[in-house]
Protein backbone atom coordinates (compact mmCIF):
# COMPACT_ATOMS: atom_id res chain seq x y z
CA MET A 1 43.33 184.64 232.44
CA ARG A 2 40.52 184.38 229.86
CA SER A 3 38.15 186.87 231.59
CA HIS A 4 40.99 189.15 231.78
CA ALA A 5 42.11 188.67 227.90
CA ALA A 6 37.90 189.07 226.89
CA ARG A 7 37.98 191.84 228.94
CA ALA A 8 41.17 194.04 227.76
CA GLY A 9 40.15 192.51 224.24
CA LEU A 10 42.17 190.15 223.56
CA ALA A 11 39.84 187.48 223.18
CA ALA A 12 40.92 186.83 219.52
CA GLU A 13 44.78 186.06 220.91
CA LEU A 14 43.75 183.24 223.16
CA ASP A 15 44.57 180.88 220.20
CA PRO A 16 47.47 177.98 220.52
CA LYS A 17 48.44 178.48 217.81
CA ARG A 18 49.02 182.12 217.85
CA CYS A 19 51.07 182.01 221.28
CA ALA A 20 53.14 178.85 220.86
CA GLY A 21 56.18 180.36 218.89
CA LYS A 22 59.59 180.59 220.73
CA ASP A 23 59.49 184.66 220.29
CA TRP A 24 56.01 184.87 221.07
CA TYR A 25 56.77 186.45 224.60
CA PRO A 26 59.47 189.27 223.53
CA ARG A 27 57.58 189.81 220.18
CA ALA A 28 54.10 189.55 221.36
CA PHE A 29 52.84 189.03 225.09
CA LYS A 30 55.51 191.35 226.46
CA PRO A 31 55.25 194.32 224.42
CA ARG A 32 51.55 193.93 223.09
CA LEU A 33 49.64 191.84 225.27
CA LEU A 34 50.73 192.16 228.59
CA PRO A 35 50.07 195.84 228.89
CA ARG A 36 46.33 195.27 228.65
CA LEU A 37 46.65 192.30 230.92
CA ALA A 38 48.14 193.90 233.63
CA LYS A 39 45.98 197.13 233.21
CA ASP A 40 42.55 195.00 232.87
CA ILE A 41 44.63 192.68 236.32
CA GLU A 42 45.17 195.95 238.02
CA THR A 43 41.76 197.45 238.07
CA THR A 44 39.77 193.80 239.17
CA PRO A 45 39.75 193.34 243.05
CA ASP A 46 40.89 190.24 244.25
CA SER A 47 42.46 188.93 240.55
CA PRO A 48 43.83 185.30 241.07
CA LEU A 49 46.68 186.48 239.03
CA ALA A 50 47.19 190.27 240.85
CA GLY A 51 51.22 190.18 241.61
CA MET A 52 52.01 187.33 238.70
CA THR A 53 55.21 188.18 236.98
CA PRO A 54 55.28 189.28 233.83
CA TRP A 55 56.71 185.41 232.81
CA GLN A 56 53.97 184.09 234.78
CA LEU A 57 51.45 186.17 233.01
CA HIS A 58 52.37 184.25 229.76
CA ARG A 59 52.10 181.34 230.90
CA ALA A 60 48.55 181.91 232.18
CA PHE A 61 48.32 182.84 228.86
CA ARG A 62 49.32 179.60 226.93
CA LEU A 63 47.65 177.53 229.22
CA ALA A 64 44.69 179.67 228.69
CA ALA A 65 45.09 179.68 225.26
CA ALA A 66 45.35 175.67 225.42
CA TYR A 67 41.23 175.15 226.28
CA SER A 68 38.16 176.66 225.06
CA GLU A 69 35.68 178.21 226.96
CA PRO A 70 32.83 174.56 226.69
CA GLU A 71 36.44 172.44 227.82
CA LEU A 72 37.08 174.49 231.09
CA VAL A 73 33.14 174.83 231.64
CA ALA A 74 33.11 170.58 231.24
CA ALA A 75 36.24 170.25 234.04
CA LEU A 76 34.66 172.54 236.25
CA ALA A 77 31.15 170.44 236.04
CA ARG A 78 33.45 167.38 236.90
CA LEU A 79 35.13 169.25 239.44
CA ALA A 80 31.53 170.21 241.19
CA GLU A 81 30.76 166.56 240.64
CA SER A 82 33.46 165.41 242.41
CA ARG A 83 32.28 167.07 245.46
CA ILE A 84 36.20 168.69 246.02
CA GLU A 85 34.90 171.61 247.98
CA ARG A 86 34.08 168.80 250.83
CA ALA A 87 37.64 167.35 250.75
CA ARG A 88 40.74 167.56 252.42
CA GLY A 89 44.40 166.09 251.73
CA PRO A 90 44.19 163.12 249.77
CA ALA A 91 41.04 162.74 248.63
CA ALA A 92 41.27 166.20 247.29
CA LEU A 93 44.44 165.64 245.27
CA ALA A 94 42.94 162.10 243.84
CA ALA A 95 39.82 164.61 242.87
CA VAL A 96 41.79 167.13 241.16
CA SER A 97 44.27 164.55 239.82
CA ALA A 98 41.57 163.27 237.90
CA LEU A 99 40.25 166.32 236.59
CA VAL A 100 43.37 167.29 235.37
CA LEU A 101 44.15 164.49 233.64
CA ALA A 102 40.65 164.11 231.84
CA LEU A 103 42.01 167.46 230.45
CA ILE A 104 45.68 166.93 228.98
CA GLY A 105 44.51 163.54 228.07
CA ARG A 106 41.55 164.35 225.57
CA PRO A 107 42.63 162.41 222.47
CA ALA A 108 39.93 164.39 220.37
CA ALA A 109 41.14 167.82 221.46
CA SER A 110 44.40 167.17 220.81
CA SER A 111 43.96 166.64 216.98
CA ARG A 112 41.96 170.22 216.73
CA ARG A 113 44.05 172.50 218.93
CA THR A 114 47.49 172.86 219.66
CA ALA A 115 48.92 172.86 223.59
CA PRO A 116 51.45 175.41 223.92
CA ALA A 117 55.00 174.62 224.72
CA ALA A 118 56.25 173.85 227.79
């Protein structure tokens, strides 16, 4: 989602404060952001976001806004260290669970960024 937003000229919109409001979906995302994102998604072969509904895309956008690029790169580095690509079943779930817990349990980051509402 972060890549699609950047290519669509919407990188500045990836701010949790900008997309946290209750009426953000009907007032901003659906009429203004969605058309530009959808166009980029449609023209990107094998996009993992292809086929998502507008509601799912808005949730993905909010999730992408909740994390900075350095946080996501650090998460991918931790994932690579876990050797998850070799794991299957419970071992894979344990590795991914540890990564997710690290992302959501970051006290320093939560004080400077506001996570989107569920």
